[in-house]
N, C-alpha and C. Protein backbone atom coordinates (compact mmCIF):
# COMPACT_ATOMS: atom_id res chain seq x y z
N MET A 1 24.82 42.40 -26.57
CA MET A 1 23.96 41.31 -26.95
C MET A 1 24.78 40.05 -27.17
N ARG A 2 25.94 40.25 -27.75
CA ARG A 2 26.83 39.11 -28.02
C ARG A 2 27.27 38.45 -26.71
N LYS A 3 27.52 39.28 -25.67
CA LYS A 3 27.93 38.75 -24.37
C LYS A 3 26.81 37.92 -23.74
N LEU A 4 25.58 38.41 -23.88
CA LEU A 4 24.45 37.69 -23.33
C LEU A 4 24.28 36.34 -24.00
N GLN A 5 24.44 36.29 -25.31
CA GLN A 5 24.33 35.03 -26.03
C GLN A 5 25.46 34.07 -25.62
N ASN A 6 26.66 34.60 -25.43
CA ASN A 6 27.77 33.77 -25.00
C ASN A 6 27.53 33.19 -23.60
N ARG A 7 27.00 34.03 -22.71
CA ARG A 7 26.71 33.56 -21.35
C ARG A 7 25.61 32.50 -21.36
N LEU A 8 24.57 32.73 -22.12
CA LEU A 8 23.49 31.74 -22.21
C LEU A 8 24.00 30.44 -22.82
N GLY A 9 24.84 30.56 -23.83
CA GLY A 9 25.41 29.37 -24.46
C GLY A 9 26.29 28.60 -23.49
N PHE A 10 27.10 29.36 -22.72
CA PHE A 10 27.98 28.73 -21.73
C PHE A 10 27.17 28.05 -20.64
N LEU A 11 26.12 28.71 -20.14
CA LEU A 11 25.26 28.12 -19.11
C LEU A 11 24.55 26.88 -19.63
N SER A 12 24.10 26.94 -20.87
CA SER A 12 23.42 25.78 -21.45
C SER A 12 24.38 24.61 -21.57
N LEU A 13 25.60 24.88 -22.02
CA LEU A 13 26.60 23.84 -22.12
C LEU A 13 26.97 23.29 -20.74
N PHE A 14 27.12 24.19 -19.78
CA PHE A 14 27.45 23.78 -18.41
C PHE A 14 26.40 22.84 -17.84
N PHE A 15 25.13 23.22 -17.95
CA PHE A 15 24.06 22.38 -17.40
C PHE A 15 23.89 21.09 -18.18
N ALA A 16 24.16 21.15 -19.47
CA ALA A 16 24.07 19.93 -20.27
C ALA A 16 25.12 18.92 -19.84
N LEU A 17 26.33 19.40 -19.53
CA LEU A 17 27.40 18.50 -19.14
C LEU A 17 27.33 18.11 -17.67
N PHE A 18 27.19 19.10 -16.82
CA PHE A 18 27.29 18.84 -15.38
C PHE A 18 25.95 18.62 -14.69
N GLY A 19 24.87 18.93 -15.34
CA GLY A 19 23.56 18.75 -14.74
C GLY A 19 23.03 17.33 -14.88
N SER A 20 23.63 16.56 -15.74
CA SER A 20 23.17 15.19 -15.98
C SER A 20 23.63 14.27 -14.87
N GLN A 21 22.75 13.47 -14.36
CA GLN A 21 23.11 12.54 -13.28
C GLN A 21 24.01 11.43 -13.80
N THR A 22 23.82 11.05 -15.05
CA THR A 22 24.64 9.96 -15.57
C THR A 22 26.09 10.39 -15.75
N PHE A 23 26.32 11.67 -15.92
CA PHE A 23 27.68 12.17 -16.05
C PHE A 23 28.46 11.93 -14.76
N PHE A 24 27.80 12.11 -13.64
CA PHE A 24 28.46 11.92 -12.35
C PHE A 24 28.37 10.49 -11.86
N GLY A 25 27.77 9.63 -12.59
CA GLY A 25 27.66 8.23 -12.19
C GLY A 25 26.66 8.01 -11.07
N GLN A 26 25.64 8.82 -11.00
CA GLN A 26 24.66 8.72 -9.94
C GLN A 26 23.60 7.66 -10.21
N GLU A 27 23.58 7.15 -11.40
CA GLU A 27 22.60 6.13 -11.72
C GLU A 27 23.20 4.78 -11.37
N GLY A 28 22.70 4.20 -10.29
CA GLY A 28 23.24 2.92 -9.85
C GLY A 28 22.14 2.05 -9.29
N LYS A 29 22.47 0.81 -9.11
CA LYS A 29 21.51 -0.13 -8.56
C LYS A 29 22.15 -0.85 -7.39
N THR A 30 21.36 -1.07 -6.36
CA THR A 30 21.85 -1.76 -5.18
C THR A 30 21.17 -3.12 -5.10
N THR A 31 21.96 -4.11 -4.88
CA THR A 31 21.43 -5.46 -4.74
C THR A 31 21.72 -5.93 -3.33
N VAL A 32 20.67 -6.37 -2.64
CA VAL A 32 20.83 -6.87 -1.28
C VAL A 32 20.65 -8.38 -1.31
N GLU A 33 21.64 -9.07 -0.83
CA GLU A 33 21.55 -10.52 -0.73
C GLU A 33 21.33 -10.87 0.73
N GLN A 34 20.31 -11.66 0.97
CA GLN A 34 19.92 -11.98 2.34
C GLN A 34 19.86 -13.48 2.51
N ASN A 35 20.40 -13.93 3.59
CA ASN A 35 20.36 -15.34 3.92
C ASN A 35 18.89 -15.77 4.08
N PRO A 36 18.46 -16.86 3.48
CA PRO A 36 17.05 -17.28 3.59
C PRO A 36 16.62 -17.56 5.03
N LYS A 37 17.54 -17.88 5.90
CA LYS A 37 17.17 -18.15 7.29
C LYS A 37 16.82 -16.87 8.05
N PHE A 38 17.16 -15.72 7.49
CA PHE A 38 16.87 -14.46 8.15
C PHE A 38 15.37 -14.28 8.37
N GLU A 39 14.57 -14.53 7.34
CA GLU A 39 13.12 -14.42 7.46
C GLU A 39 12.58 -15.41 8.49
N GLU A 40 13.14 -16.59 8.50
CA GLU A 40 12.73 -17.61 9.45
C GLU A 40 13.01 -17.16 10.89
N LEU A 41 14.17 -16.56 11.09
CA LEU A 41 14.52 -16.06 12.42
C LEU A 41 13.62 -14.90 12.84
N LEU A 42 13.29 -14.03 11.90
CA LEU A 42 12.38 -12.93 12.22
C LEU A 42 11.01 -13.44 12.65
N LYS A 43 10.50 -14.44 11.95
CA LYS A 43 9.20 -15.01 12.32
C LYS A 43 9.24 -15.66 13.70
N GLU A 44 10.33 -16.35 13.98
CA GLU A 44 10.48 -16.99 15.29
C GLU A 44 10.58 -15.94 16.40
N LYS A 45 11.31 -14.87 16.15
CA LYS A 45 11.42 -13.80 17.13
C LYS A 45 10.07 -13.16 17.39
N GLN A 46 9.29 -12.95 16.34
CA GLN A 46 7.97 -12.35 16.49
C GLN A 46 7.06 -13.28 17.30
N LYS A 47 7.15 -14.57 17.06
CA LYS A 47 6.34 -15.53 17.80
C LYS A 47 6.70 -15.49 19.29
N ILE A 48 8.00 -15.45 19.58
CA ILE A 48 8.44 -15.40 20.97
C ILE A 48 8.00 -14.10 21.62
N ALA A 49 8.16 -12.99 20.91
CA ALA A 49 7.77 -11.70 21.46
C ALA A 49 6.28 -11.66 21.75
N ASN A 50 5.47 -12.25 20.89
CA ASN A 50 4.03 -12.27 21.11
C ASN A 50 3.66 -13.13 22.31
N SER A 51 4.37 -14.22 22.50
CA SER A 51 4.03 -15.09 23.62
C SER A 51 4.50 -14.52 24.95
N ILE A 52 5.49 -13.65 24.93
CA ILE A 52 6.00 -13.07 26.17
C ILE A 52 5.25 -11.79 26.54
N ALA A 53 4.60 -11.16 25.60
CA ALA A 53 3.92 -9.90 25.86
C ALA A 53 2.92 -10.07 26.99
N LEU A 54 3.20 -9.43 28.10
CA LEU A 54 2.35 -9.62 29.27
C LEU A 54 1.27 -8.56 29.41
N ASN A 55 1.38 -7.48 28.71
CA ASN A 55 0.44 -6.38 28.88
C ASN A 55 -0.77 -6.48 27.97
N GLU A 56 -0.81 -7.46 27.10
CA GLU A 56 -1.89 -7.54 26.15
C GLU A 56 -2.75 -8.77 26.40
N GLY A 57 -4.02 -8.57 26.51
CA GLY A 57 -4.95 -9.67 26.62
C GLY A 57 -4.90 -10.41 27.94
N TYR A 58 -5.68 -11.46 28.00
CA TYR A 58 -5.77 -12.31 29.18
C TYR A 58 -4.85 -13.50 29.02
N LYS A 59 -4.39 -14.02 30.13
CA LYS A 59 -3.55 -15.21 30.14
C LYS A 59 -4.10 -16.17 31.17
N ILE A 60 -3.68 -17.41 31.02
CA ILE A 60 -4.04 -18.43 32.00
C ILE A 60 -2.73 -18.94 32.59
N GLN A 61 -2.64 -18.89 33.90
CA GLN A 61 -1.47 -19.45 34.58
C GLN A 61 -1.82 -20.88 34.95
N ILE A 62 -1.05 -21.83 34.40
CA ILE A 62 -1.37 -23.23 34.67
C ILE A 62 -0.49 -23.83 35.76
N TYR A 63 0.64 -23.17 36.05
CA TYR A 63 1.53 -23.74 37.07
C TYR A 63 2.54 -22.69 37.50
N ASN A 64 3.01 -22.81 38.76
CA ASN A 64 4.16 -22.02 39.20
C ASN A 64 5.01 -22.90 40.09
N GLY A 65 6.33 -22.74 39.99
CA GLY A 65 7.25 -23.56 40.75
C GLY A 65 8.67 -23.36 40.25
N THR A 66 9.46 -24.43 40.33
CA THR A 66 10.85 -24.35 39.89
C THR A 66 10.94 -24.38 38.36
N SER A 67 12.12 -24.04 37.87
CA SER A 67 12.34 -24.01 36.43
C SER A 67 12.10 -25.38 35.79
N SER A 68 12.66 -26.42 36.36
CA SER A 68 12.52 -27.76 35.77
C SER A 68 11.07 -28.24 35.82
N GLU A 69 10.36 -27.96 36.91
CA GLU A 69 8.95 -28.35 37.00
C GLU A 69 8.12 -27.63 35.95
N CYS A 70 8.40 -26.34 35.77
CA CYS A 70 7.66 -25.56 34.78
C CYS A 70 7.92 -26.05 33.36
N ARG A 71 9.17 -26.39 33.07
CA ARG A 71 9.47 -26.93 31.74
C ARG A 71 8.69 -28.22 31.49
N GLN A 72 8.61 -29.06 32.52
CA GLN A 72 7.88 -30.32 32.39
C GLN A 72 6.38 -30.06 32.19
N LYS A 73 5.82 -29.15 32.98
CA LYS A 73 4.39 -28.82 32.85
C LYS A 73 4.08 -28.21 31.49
N LEU A 74 4.98 -27.35 31.00
CA LEU A 74 4.77 -26.75 29.69
C LEU A 74 4.83 -27.82 28.60
N SER A 75 5.73 -28.75 28.73
CA SER A 75 5.83 -29.85 27.77
C SER A 75 4.56 -30.70 27.79
N ASP A 76 4.08 -31.01 28.99
CA ASP A 76 2.82 -31.77 29.11
C ASP A 76 1.66 -31.00 28.50
N PHE A 77 1.63 -29.70 28.76
CA PHE A 77 0.55 -28.86 28.23
C PHE A 77 0.56 -28.84 26.71
N ARG A 78 1.74 -28.70 26.13
CA ARG A 78 1.82 -28.63 24.66
C ARG A 78 1.41 -29.93 24.00
N LYS A 79 1.64 -31.05 24.67
CA LYS A 79 1.20 -32.34 24.12
C LYS A 79 -0.33 -32.45 24.14
N GLU A 80 -0.92 -31.91 25.18
CA GLU A 80 -2.37 -32.04 25.38
C GLU A 80 -3.17 -30.96 24.62
N PHE A 81 -2.65 -29.74 24.58
CA PHE A 81 -3.37 -28.60 24.00
C PHE A 81 -2.51 -27.94 22.93
N LYS A 82 -2.53 -28.47 21.74
CA LYS A 82 -1.71 -27.94 20.65
C LYS A 82 -2.23 -26.61 20.10
N GLU A 83 -3.48 -26.30 20.36
CA GLU A 83 -4.07 -25.08 19.80
C GLU A 83 -3.72 -23.82 20.58
N TYR A 84 -3.14 -23.96 21.77
CA TYR A 84 -2.79 -22.80 22.59
C TYR A 84 -1.27 -22.67 22.70
N ASP A 85 -0.84 -21.43 22.78
CA ASP A 85 0.59 -21.14 22.92
C ASP A 85 0.90 -20.96 24.41
N GLY A 86 2.01 -21.50 24.85
CA GLY A 86 2.41 -21.37 26.25
C GLY A 86 3.84 -20.92 26.37
N THR A 87 4.16 -20.29 27.50
CA THR A 87 5.51 -19.82 27.74
C THR A 87 5.80 -19.83 29.24
N ILE A 88 7.08 -19.82 29.56
CA ILE A 88 7.51 -19.77 30.96
C ILE A 88 7.97 -18.36 31.25
N PHE A 89 7.52 -17.83 32.37
CA PHE A 89 7.85 -16.48 32.79
C PHE A 89 8.46 -16.54 34.18
N TYR A 90 9.55 -15.82 34.39
CA TYR A 90 10.19 -15.82 35.70
C TYR A 90 9.79 -14.57 36.46
N SER A 91 9.24 -14.77 37.64
CA SER A 91 8.91 -13.68 38.54
C SER A 91 9.47 -14.08 39.90
N SER A 92 10.52 -13.42 40.31
CA SER A 92 11.27 -13.81 41.49
C SER A 92 10.36 -14.09 42.68
N PRO A 93 10.47 -15.19 43.32
CA PRO A 93 11.46 -16.26 43.22
C PRO A 93 10.97 -17.49 42.48
N VAL A 94 9.84 -17.41 41.79
CA VAL A 94 9.29 -18.61 41.14
C VAL A 94 9.13 -18.41 39.64
N TYR A 95 9.04 -19.54 38.95
CA TYR A 95 8.73 -19.56 37.52
C TYR A 95 7.24 -19.82 37.38
N LYS A 96 6.65 -19.28 36.31
CA LYS A 96 5.23 -19.46 36.05
C LYS A 96 5.03 -19.90 34.60
N VAL A 97 4.06 -20.75 34.39
CA VAL A 97 3.71 -21.18 33.03
C VAL A 97 2.43 -20.46 32.64
N TYR A 98 2.54 -19.63 31.61
CA TYR A 98 1.40 -18.87 31.10
C TYR A 98 0.95 -19.43 29.76
N VAL A 99 -0.35 -19.38 29.54
CA VAL A 99 -0.96 -19.78 28.27
C VAL A 99 -1.69 -18.56 27.75
N GLY A 100 -1.59 -18.33 26.46
CA GLY A 100 -2.28 -17.19 25.87
C GLY A 100 -1.32 -16.40 25.01
N PRO A 101 -1.65 -15.21 24.67
CA PRO A 101 -2.71 -14.34 25.17
C PRO A 101 -4.05 -14.59 24.49
N PHE A 102 -5.09 -14.25 25.20
CA PHE A 102 -6.46 -14.31 24.68
C PHE A 102 -6.95 -12.88 24.57
N LYS A 103 -7.58 -12.55 23.46
CA LYS A 103 -7.99 -11.17 23.22
C LYS A 103 -9.17 -10.74 24.08
N SER A 104 -10.00 -11.66 24.44
CA SER A 104 -11.15 -11.28 25.27
C SER A 104 -11.27 -12.22 26.46
N ARG A 105 -11.95 -11.74 27.47
CA ARG A 105 -12.17 -12.54 28.67
C ARG A 105 -13.02 -13.77 28.34
N LEU A 106 -13.94 -13.63 27.41
CA LEU A 106 -14.80 -14.73 27.01
C LEU A 106 -13.98 -15.89 26.43
N HIS A 107 -13.04 -15.57 25.54
CA HIS A 107 -12.18 -16.62 24.97
C HIS A 107 -11.31 -17.26 26.05
N ALA A 108 -10.79 -16.44 26.95
CA ALA A 108 -9.93 -16.95 28.01
C ALA A 108 -10.70 -17.87 28.96
N GLU A 109 -11.91 -17.50 29.30
CA GLU A 109 -12.72 -18.34 30.20
C GLU A 109 -13.09 -19.66 29.55
N GLY A 110 -13.37 -19.63 28.24
CA GLY A 110 -13.66 -20.87 27.53
C GLY A 110 -12.47 -21.81 27.53
N ALA A 111 -11.29 -21.26 27.29
CA ALA A 111 -10.07 -22.07 27.32
C ALA A 111 -9.78 -22.57 28.73
N LEU A 112 -10.04 -21.73 29.72
CA LEU A 112 -9.79 -22.12 31.11
C LEU A 112 -10.61 -23.34 31.51
N GLU A 113 -11.84 -23.40 31.05
CA GLU A 113 -12.69 -24.56 31.37
C GLU A 113 -12.10 -25.85 30.81
N LYS A 114 -11.58 -25.78 29.58
CA LYS A 114 -10.96 -26.96 28.97
C LYS A 114 -9.67 -27.35 29.71
N ILE A 115 -8.87 -26.34 30.02
CA ILE A 115 -7.56 -26.58 30.62
C ILE A 115 -7.67 -27.09 32.05
N LYS A 116 -8.67 -26.64 32.79
CA LYS A 116 -8.82 -27.02 34.20
C LYS A 116 -9.02 -28.53 34.39
N ASP A 117 -9.51 -29.22 33.38
CA ASP A 117 -9.67 -30.67 33.49
C ASP A 117 -8.32 -31.35 33.69
N LYS A 118 -7.29 -30.88 32.99
CA LYS A 118 -5.96 -31.48 33.07
C LYS A 118 -5.04 -30.76 34.06
N PHE A 119 -5.27 -29.47 34.24
CA PHE A 119 -4.46 -28.64 35.14
C PHE A 119 -5.38 -27.91 36.10
N PRO A 120 -5.81 -28.57 37.17
CA PRO A 120 -6.84 -28.01 38.05
C PRO A 120 -6.43 -26.72 38.78
N ALA A 121 -5.16 -26.45 38.92
CA ALA A 121 -4.71 -25.25 39.62
C ALA A 121 -4.67 -24.02 38.72
N SER A 122 -5.13 -24.14 37.50
CA SER A 122 -5.09 -23.05 36.53
C SER A 122 -5.98 -21.90 36.97
N LEU A 123 -5.52 -20.69 36.64
CA LEU A 123 -6.32 -19.51 36.97
C LEU A 123 -6.16 -18.45 35.89
N LEU A 124 -7.18 -17.65 35.74
CA LEU A 124 -7.23 -16.59 34.74
C LEU A 124 -6.57 -15.35 35.31
N ILE A 125 -5.68 -14.74 34.52
CA ILE A 125 -5.04 -13.51 34.97
C ILE A 125 -5.10 -12.47 33.86
N LYS A 126 -5.09 -11.23 34.26
CA LYS A 126 -5.01 -10.10 33.33
C LYS A 126 -3.81 -9.27 33.79
N PRO A 127 -2.63 -9.54 33.22
CA PRO A 127 -1.43 -8.82 33.66
C PRO A 127 -1.49 -7.34 33.37
């Protein structure tokens, strides 16, 4: 009986000393310092990724041609239509200016009617 009490006492002491997380220094705190521009870059990346996504929704192609012509057309478009997002896409051998994406064909057709006044060669596409 005495041996059993000694073993139980030893086990209790062992777990009291070595079972505690604070004994091993496991209680700690991690502090992450992040540059404030990181969030800004993430938002910009998400915006670019959304504008390049070709498999989602409808788009309007307003122009195709050389790189410099497309940059000029996109600049003109952004001045005229601030409510729509546009991007340049390269499809060998020409560059294309896409506007969108639009979630439904109805929204895309409505935008196409407005855009065709300034960019008559515009056409609706579903990539």
